[in-house]
Amino acid sequence: MPSSSYPVPRRWRTVPTERTLLAVVHNVTAATRLLDVLPLFAGDPRVQVVFTCPDSSAFTRGTQEYLAARGIPLEPWEDVVTEDFDWALAASYGGDLHELRAPLTVLPHGMGYNKFLETGEQKTGSQKPVFGLSKQWLMHNGEVIAEHHVLSHPEQLTRLRQYCPEAADHAVIAGDSCLDRLRDARELRESYRQALGVTGEQTLVLISSTWGQLSSYGSGPDLPQRIAQQLPLDEFAVVLALHPNIGQGHYPWQLKMWLRECERAGVIVLPEEDLWQPAAVAADVTIGDHGSVTYYSACLGTPVLLAAAPHDAVDPDSPVAALLRAAPALTDENLADQLRTATQPPALIAATSLATSVPGQSAALLTDLGYRTLKLPPPARPAGFIAFPLPRVHRPEPGAQWVRVRGDDVTRFAATTPEAHLVVHVDGPDPRLLRRADIVLGDRFPDPGRWIALTLAEFPGCEWAACPAGSGWLAGSRDGLVVSFTGTDLPQAVPSLLYTRDLLGLDFPEELPFTAGGRKHEVRLTVHYG
């Protein structure tokens, strides 16, 4: 019976585990999929899980830190290949997997196997390899590497027989763990939406990008910012989910610098790699590309618009290729209307049927496969998948807003728009906008009246200044008018109403109703002096 000395020799262990499972982590993306599946076994006190990294991925950087943040150390690859393990589980190919001394099971780390991925070994005129299906990945010296090659649908087996018939006998159709978790989470949709800061009937737009120059982000790094700047802030909320390889390929700090303007436009940039799942469940529409997040969104019934559709980057017989052919393209015209009216065409619904042939069964099928490989009877009550945690993120309020007031309707944008005035928060990073502002907003200061007076003096182009005060807000005009107001969860819009009414010579009633993003508000005003 195989017996590993990791993490310490058995005689030093507190729990007398019977089997050792080796988790082979190629990069952060693969780690997220393995951590989807490992809870099926990791809670069993008979099983010790050990982690290693083959250091073969171009995006290995960040993997150790990602795992360390979850209390997971990595054992050196050169050490684990000298040890016997009862089972090895990976969510990617690459590296010297053939050196492992354990039966190896390989899961897909995304939605099936779709992308062409060059290995540098192809000869002129040879067939482009599909990652996870072609011999370049699945075989070594004429031998199939994995004991089990997990698929989610028979269509993948058909293509596997085409690309690498030798591996067909090793194929196991065990469903899609990620999709099953996403579908199980739909009952928590409203919880996820409110955790993301979505209010009322706001439309939540998920912008997704896989990695590479053909992706939606690679082909247009300013795309998230451009989208956010075109949408009314109170009608739409925008979340950005980027493939981990983007940050690791450029350094996380560099990516953060590139995304600063995006966040200033009010976009929620998801700070963790595995927060895209609750965002996908919460979304009303997804803007994406040929990545798995786009396909999974479509599988949830979410309308999809394609910001990039690189047909040559995917196997034309794959489900993702079918999605690229079926989903409508995003255009630059009337973006808000595109998002309001987006639906799923029948061809897209048909493409999503290829995601899994055993919906809802992946936990049971993988549990059975794992315990058979470990040669252990499954627990009396087998573990299931873990629910996605609530996304603890902050939805940024744009530091500069262009506000249009028509009657009692307020529409706020993150970029200049016709018939709008400029509202800037003092915490905004661009002093040029502050000097142009019609209205300046402040934080909660100890002396709000003094702050208003001195702010108006410092910025001669500013007509009104407002900030929180007591249980409400205080606003003051250049003409000496001071108004306090309470009663709305959108106080930053009220100074625009005051500014407009003052400009038009209208009075200030005790109760002032207004609408923003389709939601009705009512604010109570108290005029102190004029």
Protein backbone atom coordinates (compact mmCIF):
# COMPACT_ATOMS: atom_id res chain seq x y z
CA MET A 1 0.00 0.00 0.00
CA PRO A 2 1.46 3.43 -0.93
CA SER A 3 2.51 5.42 2.11
CA SER A 4 3.71 9.01 2.04
CA SER A 5 5.84 10.58 4.77
CA TYR A 6 4.17 13.95 4.20
CA PRO A 7 3.49 16.22 5.97
CA VAL A 8 5.51 14.47 8.72
CA PRO A 9 6.23 10.76 9.27
CA ARG A 10 3.15 8.89 10.44
CA ARG A 11 4.49 8.29 13.93
CA TRP A 12 4.46 12.05 14.57
CA ARG A 13 0.89 12.67 13.38
CA THR A 14 -1.91 13.32 15.85
CA VAL A 15 -4.61 11.86 13.59
CA PRO A 16 -3.70 8.37 12.27
CA THR A 17 -4.66 9.01 8.65
CA GLU A 18 -4.83 6.01 6.34
CA ARG A 19 -4.37 7.57 2.91
CA THR A 20 -2.50 10.53 1.42
CA LEU A 21 -3.94 12.57 -1.44
CA LEU A 22 -1.52 14.71 -3.45
CA ALA A 23 -3.05 17.89 -4.89
CA VAL A 24 -1.01 19.07 -7.88
CA VAL A 25 -1.45 22.84 -8.30
CA HIS A 26 -0.17 24.35 -11.55
CA ASN A 27 -1.31 27.95 -10.94
CA VAL A 28 -3.94 30.02 -9.16
CA THR A 29 -6.65 29.15 -11.69
CA ALA A 30 -6.07 25.44 -11.18
CA ALA A 31 -6.00 25.99 -7.42
CA THR A 32 -9.50 27.47 -7.45
CA ARG A 33 -10.89 24.39 -9.22
CA LEU A 34 -9.06 21.97 -6.93
CA LEU A 35 -10.43 23.81 -3.92
CA ASP A 36 -13.90 23.32 -5.42
CA VAL A 37 -13.44 19.55 -5.33
CA LEU A 38 -11.06 18.78 -2.45
CA PRO A 39 -13.68 19.45 0.28
CA LEU A 40 -15.35 16.24 -0.89
CA PHE A 41 -12.43 14.37 0.71
CA ALA A 42 -10.49 16.81 2.90
CA GLY A 43 -12.95 16.58 5.80
CA ASP A 44 -12.40 12.83 6.12
CA PRO A 45 -9.96 12.16 9.02
CA ARG A 46 -8.74 9.07 7.17
CA VAL A 47 -7.30 11.26 4.40
CA GLN A 48 -4.30 13.61 4.56
CA VAL A 49 -4.08 16.14 1.70
CA VAL A 50 -0.64 17.34 0.56
CA PHE A 51 -0.05 20.12 -1.99
CA THR A 52 2.71 20.58 -4.54
CA CYS A 53 3.41 22.67 -7.63
CA PRO A 54 5.22 21.35 -10.73
CA ASP A 55 6.43 24.88 -11.61
CA SER A 56 5.57 24.29 -15.25
CA SER A 57 3.01 27.03 -15.85
CA ALA A 58 3.94 30.43 -17.23
CA PHE A 59 1.65 31.76 -14.50
CA THR A 60 3.01 29.90 -11.47
CA ARG A 61 3.75 33.24 -9.79
CA GLY A 62 1.26 33.93 -7.02
CA THR A 63 0.28 30.30 -6.48
CA GLN A 64 2.27 29.90 -3.28
CA GLU A 65 0.86 33.14 -1.85
CA TYR A 66 -2.71 32.19 -2.81
CA LEU A 67 -2.42 28.85 -1.02
CA ALA A 68 -0.49 30.23 1.96
CA ALA A 69 -3.33 32.69 2.61
CA ARG A 70 -5.55 29.62 3.06
CA GLY A 71 -3.16 27.81 5.39
CA ILE A 72 -1.76 25.53 2.69
CA PRO A 73 2.01 24.99 2.35
CA LEU A 74 3.56 23.59 -0.81
CA GLU A 75 5.88 20.60 -0.73
CA PRO A 76 8.76 20.77 -3.24
CA TRP A 77 8.06 18.95 -6.51
CA GLU A 78 11.49 17.31 -6.52
CA ASP A 79 10.65 15.73 -3.16
CA VAL A 80 7.12 14.50 -3.84
CA VAL A 81 8.13 12.65 -7.03
CA THR A 82 10.28 10.37 -4.86
CA GLU A 83 7.32 9.45 -2.62
CA ASP A 84 4.37 7.09 -3.06
CA PHE A 85 0.88 8.59 -2.77
CA ASP A 86 -2.48 6.90 -2.74
CA TRP A 87 -3.99 9.36 -5.23
CA ALA A 88 -2.93 12.48 -7.10
CA LEU A 89 -5.45 15.08 -8.24
CA ALA A 90 -4.68 17.87 -10.71
CA ALA A 91 -6.75 20.48 -12.52
CA SER A 92 -4.38 21.07 -15.42
CA TYR A 93 -1.73 19.44 -17.56
CA GLY A 94 1.88 20.45 -18.00
CA GLY A 95 5.13 19.62 -16.29
CA ASP A 96 6.46 16.19 -15.42
CA LEU A 97 3.18 14.66 -14.26
CA HIS A 98 4.40 11.29 -15.54
CA GLU A 99 6.94 11.25 -12.69
CA LEU A 100 4.27 11.03 -10.01
CA ARG A 101 4.12 7.74 -8.11
CA ALA A 102 0.35 7.67 -7.73
CA PRO A 103 -2.77 7.11 -9.82
CA LEU A 104 -3.44 10.55 -11.34
CA THR A 105 -6.86 12.09 -11.96
CA VAL A 106 -6.99 15.29 -14.04
CA LEU A 107 -9.98 17.64 -13.89
CA PRO A 108 -10.61 20.55 -16.25
CA HIS A 109 -9.92 23.89 -14.56
CA GLY A 110 -12.51 25.69 -16.64
CA MET A 111 -15.56 24.78 -18.66
CA GLY A 112 -14.44 21.61 -20.40
CA TYR A 113 -11.71 21.64 -23.05
CA ASN A 114 -12.08 24.30 -25.70
CA LYS A 115 -9.00 26.40 -26.36
CA PHE A 116 -6.19 25.88 -28.80
CA LEU A 117 -2.93 26.28 -26.91
CA GLU A 118 0.38 26.16 -28.75
CA THR A 119 3.13 24.03 -27.22
CA GLY A 120 5.98 25.17 -29.44
CA GLU A 121 6.41 21.60 -30.70
CA GLN A 122 3.96 21.57 -33.62
CA LYS A 123 5.27 20.93 -37.08
CA THR A 124 4.21 22.97 -40.07
CA GLY A 125 0.76 21.92 -41.22
CA SER A 126 0.07 19.83 -38.11
CA GLN A 127 -3.24 20.06 -36.29
CA LYS A 128 -3.47 22.77 -33.64
CA PRO A 129 -3.59 21.14 -30.20
CA VAL A 130 -6.64 21.56 -27.98
CA PHE A 131 -5.51 21.94 -24.40
CA GLY A 132 -6.59 18.94 -22.36
CA LEU A 133 -7.57 16.81 -25.39
CA SER A 134 -4.46 16.54 -27.58
CA LYS A 135 -1.55 14.12 -27.32
CA GLN A 136 0.92 16.89 -26.57
CA TRP A 137 -0.68 17.19 -23.16
CA LEU A 138 -2.10 13.77 -22.40
CA MET A 139 0.80 11.45 -23.30
CA HIS A 140 4.48 10.94 -22.49
CA ASN A 141 6.70 8.57 -24.42
CA GLY A 142 3.69 6.84 -25.94
CA GLU A 143 1.92 6.32 -22.60
CA VAL A 144 -1.20 8.06 -21.31
CA ILE A 145 -0.26 10.10 -18.25
CA ALA A 146 -3.51 10.18 -16.28
CA GLU A 147 -5.35 7.21 -14.86
CA HIS A 148 -8.57 9.23 -15.08
CA HIS A 149 -9.27 12.07 -17.49
CA VAL A 150 -12.42 13.77 -16.21
CA LEU A 151 -14.95 15.04 -18.75
CA SER A 152 -18.31 16.68 -18.22
CA HIS A 153 -20.16 15.66 -21.40
CA PRO A 154 -19.96 12.91 -24.07
CA GLU A 155 -19.24 15.56 -26.73
CA GLN A 156 -15.81 15.93 -25.10
CA LEU A 157 -15.27 12.19 -25.38
CA THR A 158 -16.06 12.40 -29.09
CA ARG A 159 -13.39 15.03 -29.55
CA LEU A 160 -10.97 13.15 -27.28
CA ARG A 161 -11.25 10.12 -29.57
CA GLN A 162 -10.44 12.42 -32.48
CA TYR A 163 -7.42 14.10 -30.91
CA CYS A 164 -6.00 11.39 -28.64
CA PRO A 165 -7.77 8.02 -29.05
CA GLU A 166 -5.26 6.36 -26.71
CA ALA A 167 -6.73 8.34 -23.78
CA ALA A 168 -10.36 7.49 -24.49
CA ASP A 169 -10.32 4.44 -22.21
CA HIS A 170 -9.16 6.69 -19.37
CA ALA A 171 -12.04 9.13 -19.77
CA VAL A 172 -14.54 9.47 -16.93
CA ILE A 173 -17.69 11.54 -17.36
CA ALA A 174 -18.18 13.07 -13.94
CA GLY A 175 -20.03 16.32 -14.64
CA ASP A 176 -18.96 19.87 -13.94
CA SER A 177 -18.36 20.70 -10.29
CA CYS A 178 -18.22 24.45 -10.86
CA LEU A 179 -21.48 24.59 -12.80
CA ASP A 180 -23.23 22.45 -10.20
CA ARG A 181 -22.10 24.82 -7.47
CA LEU A 182 -23.24 27.83 -9.48
CA ARG A 183 -26.68 26.36 -10.06
CA ASP A 184 -27.01 25.35 -6.40
CA ALA A 185 -26.25 28.95 -5.43
CA ARG A 186 -29.11 30.53 -7.37
CA GLU A 187 -31.30 30.61 -4.24
CA LEU A 188 -28.73 33.02 -2.74
CA ARG A 189 -28.88 35.40 -5.70
CA GLU A 190 -30.41 38.32 -3.81
CA SER A 191 -27.93 37.85 -0.96
CA TYR A 192 -25.03 38.06 -3.40
CA ARG A 193 -26.53 41.10 -5.14
CA GLN A 194 -26.91 43.08 -1.96
CA ALA A 195 -23.46 42.03 -0.74
CA LEU A 196 -22.13 43.55 -3.98
CA GLY A 197 -23.95 46.79 -3.23
CA VAL A 198 -26.73 46.31 -5.78
CA THR A 199 -29.89 48.08 -4.72
CA GLY A 200 -33.49 47.62 -5.76
CA GLU A 201 -33.99 46.78 -9.41
CA GLN A 202 -30.53 47.86 -10.55
CA THR A 203 -29.13 45.93 -13.49
CA LEU A 204 -25.91 44.16 -12.48
CA VAL A 205 -23.46 43.91 -15.37
CA LEU A 206 -20.64 41.38 -15.06
CA ILE A 207 -17.67 42.10 -17.32
CA SER A 208 -15.55 39.00 -17.70
CA SER A 209 -12.24 38.42 -19.43
CA THR A 210 -10.06 35.39 -19.90
CA TRP A 211 -6.33 35.96 -20.40
CA GLY A 212 -4.38 36.64 -23.59
CA GLN A 213 -4.34 39.29 -26.29
CA LEU A 214 -7.50 37.94 -27.92
CA SER A 215 -9.54 38.29 -24.72
CA SER A 216 -11.98 41.10 -24.00
CA TYR A 217 -9.47 42.83 -21.72
CA GLY A 218 -6.48 42.10 -23.93
CA SER A 219 -8.18 43.57 -26.97
CA GLY A 220 -9.48 46.60 -25.06
CA PRO A 221 -8.00 47.34 -21.61
CA ASP A 222 -10.18 50.45 -21.38
CA LEU A 223 -13.37 48.44 -22.01
CA PRO A 224 -14.60 48.28 -18.36
CA GLN A 225 -14.06 52.01 -17.91
CA ARG A 226 -15.79 52.86 -21.20
CA ILE A 227 -18.77 50.70 -20.30
CA ALA A 228 -19.13 52.15 -16.82
CA GLN A 229 -18.90 55.72 -18.07
CA GLN A 230 -21.78 55.22 -20.49
CA LEU A 231 -24.22 53.78 -17.95
CA PRO A 232 -26.41 55.68 -15.47
CA LEU A 233 -24.88 55.05 -12.06
CA ASP A 234 -28.16 54.46 -10.26
CA GLU A 235 -29.65 52.12 -12.87
CA PHE A 236 -26.60 49.90 -13.40
CA ALA A 237 -23.91 48.34 -11.24
CA VAL A 238 -20.77 47.01 -12.93
CA VAL A 239 -18.51 44.19 -11.67
CA LEU A 240 -15.22 43.20 -13.30
CA ALA A 241 -13.90 39.62 -13.09
CA LEU A 242 -10.47 39.12 -14.68
CA HIS A 243 -8.68 35.82 -15.19
CA PRO A 244 -5.89 35.40 -12.59
CA ASN A 245 -3.33 34.95 -15.37
CA ILE A 246 -3.75 38.61 -16.33
CA GLY A 247 -2.48 39.89 -13.00
CA GLN A 248 0.21 37.24 -12.71
CA GLY A 249 1.34 37.91 -16.26
CA HIS A 250 1.86 41.64 -15.63
CA TYR A 251 2.26 41.75 -11.82
CA PRO A 252 -0.76 42.51 -9.61
CA TRP A 253 0.47 46.05 -8.87
CA GLN A 254 0.70 46.91 -12.56
CA LEU A 255 -2.81 45.63 -13.21
CA LYS A 256 -4.08 47.66 -10.26
CA MET A 257 -2.56 50.79 -11.78
CA TRP A 258 -4.24 50.07 -15.10
CA LEU A 259 -7.58 49.62 -13.35
CA ARG A 260 -7.52 52.82 -11.30
CA GLU A 261 -9.67 54.80 -13.74
CA CYS A 262 -12.01 51.84 -13.98
CA GLU A 263 -12.60 51.89 -10.22
CA ARG A 264 -12.95 55.68 -10.27
CA ALA A 265 -15.83 55.15 -12.68
CA GLY A 266 -17.59 53.04 -10.03
CA VAL A 267 -16.66 49.54 -11.23
CA ILE A 268 -16.32 46.83 -8.57
CA VAL A 269 -13.01 45.13 -9.40
CA LEU A 270 -13.26 41.76 -7.67
CA PRO A 271 -10.25 41.49 -5.35
CA GLU A 272 -10.15 37.69 -5.14
CA GLU A 273 -9.95 35.04 -7.83
CA ASP A 274 -12.93 33.02 -6.64
CA LEU A 275 -15.42 35.87 -6.20
CA TRP A 276 -16.53 35.65 -9.82
CA GLN A 277 -18.88 32.78 -8.94
CA PRO A 278 -21.26 34.74 -6.67
CA ALA A 279 -20.98 37.68 -9.09
CA ALA A 280 -22.05 35.40 -11.97
CA VAL A 281 -25.03 34.16 -9.96
CA ALA A 282 -26.01 37.75 -9.15
CA ALA A 283 -25.56 39.20 -12.65
CA ASP A 284 -28.38 40.28 -14.95
CA VAL A 285 -26.18 40.36 -18.04
CA THR A 286 -22.59 39.32 -18.78
CA ILE A 287 -20.17 40.97 -21.19
CA GLY A 288 -17.44 38.50 -22.02
CA ASP A 289 -15.37 36.53 -24.49
CA HIS A 290 -14.28 32.92 -25.06
CA GLY A 291 -13.52 32.32 -21.39
CA SER A 292 -15.29 29.92 -19.07
CA VAL A 293 -16.99 32.66 -17.03
CA THR A 294 -18.91 33.80 -20.10
CA TYR A 295 -20.05 30.25 -20.84
CA TYR A 296 -21.01 29.55 -17.24
CA SER A 297 -23.03 32.78 -17.18
CA ALA A 298 -24.95 31.60 -20.24
CA CYS A 299 -25.54 28.25 -18.51
CA LEU A 300 -27.21 30.14 -15.66
CA GLY A 301 -29.63 31.67 -18.17
CA THR A 302 -27.92 35.06 -18.11
CA PRO A 303 -27.94 37.03 -21.37
CA VAL A 304 -24.44 37.35 -22.84
CA LEU A 305 -22.89 40.03 -25.05
CA LEU A 306 -19.47 39.38 -26.59
CA ALA A 307 -16.79 42.05 -26.37
CA ALA A 308 -14.38 39.65 -28.10
CA ALA A 309 -15.13 36.53 -30.13
CA PRO A 310 -11.85 35.01 -31.37
CA HIS A 311 -13.21 32.01 -33.28
CA ASP A 312 -9.70 30.89 -34.28
CA ALA A 313 -8.67 30.54 -30.63
CA VAL A 314 -11.05 27.67 -29.87
CA ASP A 315 -11.85 24.25 -31.27
CA PRO A 316 -14.67 24.87 -33.78
CA ASP A 317 -16.44 21.75 -32.51
CA SER A 318 -16.38 22.86 -28.88
CA PRO A 319 -19.27 24.30 -26.84
CA VAL A 320 -17.47 27.62 -26.45
CA ALA A 321 -17.17 27.90 -30.23
CA ALA A 322 -20.93 27.34 -30.41
CA LEU A 323 -21.38 30.15 -27.87
CA LEU A 324 -19.21 32.51 -29.94
CA ARG A 325 -21.34 31.78 -32.98
CA ALA A 326 -24.63 32.24 -31.11
CA ALA A 327 -24.17 35.14 -28.69
CA PRO A 328 -24.69 38.70 -29.96
CA ALA A 329 -21.76 41.11 -30.15
CA LEU A 330 -21.43 44.15 -27.93
CA THR A 331 -21.47 47.39 -29.90
CA ASP A 332 -20.55 50.96 -28.96
CA GLU A 333 -23.96 52.37 -29.77
CA ASN A 334 -26.82 52.62 -27.27
CA LEU A 335 -25.03 50.48 -24.70
CA ALA A 336 -27.65 50.97 -21.98
CA ASP A 337 -30.41 49.87 -24.36
CA GLN A 338 -28.38 46.81 -25.38
CA LEU A 339 -28.10 45.78 -21.75
CA ARG A 340 -31.74 46.52 -20.95
CA THR A 341 -33.02 44.39 -23.85
CA ALA A 342 -30.41 41.57 -23.89
CA THR A 343 -31.84 38.04 -24.10
CA GLN A 344 -30.58 34.56 -24.86
CA PRO A 345 -31.11 33.48 -28.48
CA PRO A 346 -32.19 29.83 -28.99
CA ALA A 347 -28.80 28.88 -30.46
CA LEU A 348 -27.08 30.05 -27.27
CA ILE A 349 -29.44 28.00 -25.12
CA ALA A 350 -28.60 24.99 -27.30
CA ALA A 351 -24.86 25.62 -26.83
CA THR A 352 -25.21 25.58 -23.04
CA SER A 353 -26.78 22.12 -23.14
CA LEU A 354 -23.29 20.79 -23.90
CA ALA A 355 -21.91 21.88 -20.52
CA THR A 356 -22.72 18.68 -18.65
CA SER A 357 -24.64 15.50 -19.34
CA VAL A 358 -25.06 14.77 -15.63
CA PRO A 359 -26.26 18.04 -14.08
CA GLY A 360 -26.22 18.12 -10.32
CA GLN A 361 -24.34 14.82 -10.06
CA SER A 362 -20.67 15.83 -10.09
CA ALA A 363 -20.24 15.68 -6.30
CA ALA A 364 -21.56 12.12 -6.13
CA LEU A 365 -19.61 10.96 -9.20
CA LEU A 366 -16.32 12.48 -8.07
CA THR A 367 -16.80 11.15 -4.55
CA ASP A 368 -17.30 7.66 -5.93
CA LEU A 369 -14.26 7.96 -8.20
CA GLY A 370 -12.06 9.32 -5.43
CA TYR A 371 -12.88 6.73 -2.79
CA ARG A 372 -12.55 3.90 -5.29
CA THR A 373 -9.09 5.20 -6.16
CA LEU A 374 -8.17 5.64 -2.49
CA LYS A 375 -9.51 2.13 -1.85
CA LEU A 376 -11.59 3.33 1.06
CA PRO A 377 -15.32 2.95 1.69
CA PRO A 378 -17.00 6.35 1.42
CA PRO A 379 -18.24 7.95 4.65
CA ALA A 380 -21.74 7.12 5.80
CA ARG A 381 -22.63 10.70 4.99
CA PRO A 382 -20.44 11.85 2.08
CA ALA A 383 -19.44 15.49 1.95
CA GLY A 384 -20.95 17.87 -0.58
CA PHE A 385 -19.77 21.05 -2.20
CA ILE A 386 -19.28 24.18 -0.12
CA ALA A 387 -21.55 27.18 -0.74
CA PHE A 388 -19.94 30.31 -2.15
CA PRO A 389 -19.29 32.86 0.59
CA LEU A 390 -20.85 36.30 0.41
CA PRO A 391 -18.56 38.65 -1.55
CA ARG A 392 -17.28 41.13 1.02
CA VAL A 393 -16.44 43.94 -1.36
CA HIS A 394 -16.90 47.69 -1.48
CA ARG A 395 -18.74 49.27 -4.37
CA PRO A 396 -16.83 52.48 -5.08
CA GLU A 397 -18.70 55.73 -5.46
CA PRO A 398 -17.18 57.66 -8.39
CA GLY A 399 -15.22 60.62 -7.11
CA ALA A 400 -16.47 62.72 -10.02
CA GLN A 401 -20.01 62.51 -11.34
CA TRP A 402 -21.89 64.34 -14.05
CA VAL A 403 -25.48 64.82 -12.93
CA ARG A 404 -28.45 65.64 -15.13
CA VAL A 405 -31.64 66.91 -13.49
CA ARG A 406 -34.87 67.00 -15.48
CA GLY A 407 -37.82 67.90 -13.33
CA ASP A 408 -37.67 65.52 -10.38
CA ASP A 409 -35.58 62.92 -12.24
CA VAL A 410 -31.86 62.69 -11.38
CA THR A 411 -29.48 60.76 -13.62
CA ARG A 412 -25.85 60.36 -12.58
CA PHE A 413 -22.97 59.35 -14.85
CA ALA A 414 -19.28 58.67 -14.28
CA ALA A 415 -18.30 60.67 -17.38
CA THR A 416 -19.31 63.93 -19.00
CA THR A 417 -22.73 63.92 -20.60
CA PRO A 418 -24.90 66.62 -22.22
CA GLU A 419 -26.97 68.96 -20.01
CA ALA A 420 -25.17 67.80 -16.86
CA HIS A 421 -23.24 69.57 -14.14
CA LEU A 422 -20.11 68.28 -12.44
CA VAL A 423 -20.13 66.97 -8.87
CA VAL A 424 -16.76 66.05 -7.34
CA HIS A 425 -15.89 64.55 -3.96
CA VAL A 426 -12.90 66.02 -2.15
CA ASP A 427 -11.47 62.49 -1.91
CA GLY A 428 -11.31 62.30 -5.70
CA PRO A 429 -7.76 61.97 -7.00
CA ASP A 430 -7.91 64.56 -9.79
CA PRO A 431 -7.56 68.18 -8.57
CA ARG A 432 -8.32 69.45 -12.09
CA LEU A 433 -11.88 68.17 -11.76
CA LEU A 434 -12.27 69.75 -8.33
CA ARG A 435 -11.43 73.14 -9.80
CA ARG A 436 -14.10 72.65 -12.48
CA ALA A 437 -16.80 71.35 -10.12
CA ASP A 438 -20.21 72.97 -9.84
CA ILE A 439 -20.78 71.06 -6.59
CA VAL A 440 -18.17 69.73 -4.16
CA LEU A 441 -19.02 66.91 -1.75
CA GLY A 442 -17.16 66.28 1.47
CA ASP A 443 -16.76 63.59 4.10
CA ARG A 444 -18.08 63.62 7.66
CA PHE A 445 -16.10 66.47 9.17
CA PRO A 446 -16.17 67.78 12.79
CA ASP A 447 -17.30 71.27 11.69
CA PRO A 448 -19.39 70.90 8.51
CA GLY A 449 -20.51 74.55 8.42
CA ARG A 450 -16.92 75.82 8.48
CA TRP A 451 -15.91 73.24 5.83
CA ILE A 452 -18.69 74.40 3.49
CA ALA A 453 -17.81 78.08 3.87
CA LEU A 454 -14.08 77.62 3.32
CA THR A 455 -14.56 75.15 0.46
CA LEU A 456 -16.72 77.65 -1.41
CA ALA A 457 -14.03 80.26 -0.79
CA GLU A 458 -11.23 78.01 -2.06
CA PHE A 459 -13.07 76.97 -5.23
CA PRO A 460 -14.52 80.08 -6.87
CA GLY A 461 -16.19 78.03 -9.63
CA CYS A 462 -18.13 75.94 -7.12
CA GLU A 463 -21.75 76.96 -6.53
CA TRP A 464 -22.71 74.47 -3.78
CA ALA A 465 -20.84 72.37 -1.21
CA ALA A 466 -22.36 69.60 0.89
CA CYS A 467 -21.26 67.01 3.42
CA PRO A 468 -22.73 64.67 6.06
CA ALA A 469 -23.79 66.39 9.27
CA GLY A 470 -25.50 64.77 12.27
CA SER A 471 -28.17 62.34 11.11
CA GLY A 472 -28.33 63.87 7.65
CA TRP A 473 -26.44 66.26 5.38
CA LEU A 474 -25.73 69.97 5.26
CA ALA A 475 -25.44 71.95 2.01
CA GLY A 476 -24.52 75.55 1.38
CA SER A 477 -24.55 77.81 -1.67
CA ARG A 478 -22.26 80.59 -2.80
CA ASP A 479 -25.16 82.99 -2.23
CA GLY A 480 -25.27 82.11 1.46
CA LEU A 481 -28.20 79.69 1.41
CA VAL A 482 -27.83 76.79 3.92
CA VAL A 483 -30.04 73.69 3.73
CA SER A 484 -30.00 70.57 5.87
CA PHE A 485 -31.67 67.42 4.58
CA THR A 486 -32.53 63.91 5.68
CA GLY A 487 -34.58 60.94 4.57
CA THR A 488 -32.90 59.38 1.55
CA ASP A 489 -30.34 56.64 0.97
CA LEU A 490 -28.98 58.65 -1.98
CA PRO A 491 -27.93 61.90 -0.28
CA GLN A 492 -25.15 62.64 -2.80
CA ALA A 493 -27.85 63.32 -5.44
CA VAL A 494 -29.70 65.94 -3.39
CA PRO A 495 -27.20 68.81 -3.80
CA SER A 496 -27.79 68.53 -7.55
CA LEU A 497 -31.51 69.11 -6.99
CA LEU A 498 -30.75 72.11 -4.77
CA TYR A 499 -28.30 73.50 -7.31
CA THR A 500 -30.80 73.13 -10.16
CA ARG A 501 -33.71 74.62 -8.24
CA ASP A 502 -31.54 77.52 -7.14
CA LEU A 503 -30.44 78.06 -10.74
CA LEU A 504 -34.06 78.12 -11.93
CA GLY A 505 -35.26 80.32 -9.07
CA LEU A 506 -37.53 77.62 -7.62
CA ASP A 507 -38.39 77.35 -3.95
CA PHE A 508 -37.25 74.63 -1.55
CA PRO A 509 -40.27 72.68 -0.19
CA GLU A 510 -40.12 70.82 3.11
CA GLU A 511 -40.53 67.51 1.26
CA LEU A 512 -38.88 67.07 -2.12
CA PRO A 513 -39.57 63.87 -4.09
CA PHE A 514 -37.19 62.71 -6.81
CA THR A 515 -36.40 59.65 -8.91
CA ALA A 516 -33.00 58.13 -9.64
CA GLY A 517 -32.42 54.91 -11.54
CA GLY A 518 -36.14 54.20 -11.55
CA ARG A 519 -36.35 54.33 -7.74
CA LYS A 520 -38.46 56.92 -5.94
CA HIS A 521 -36.93 58.94 -3.13
CA GLU A 522 -38.18 61.68 -0.86
CA VAL A 523 -35.94 64.05 1.03
CA ARG A 524 -36.91 66.42 3.86
CA LEU A 525 -35.39 69.89 3.59
CA THR A 526 -34.84 72.56 6.23
CA VAL A 527 -33.75 75.98 5.02
CA HIS A 528 -31.75 77.72 7.74
CA TYR A 529 -31.22 81.14 6.18
CA GLY A 530 -30.81 82.79 2.84
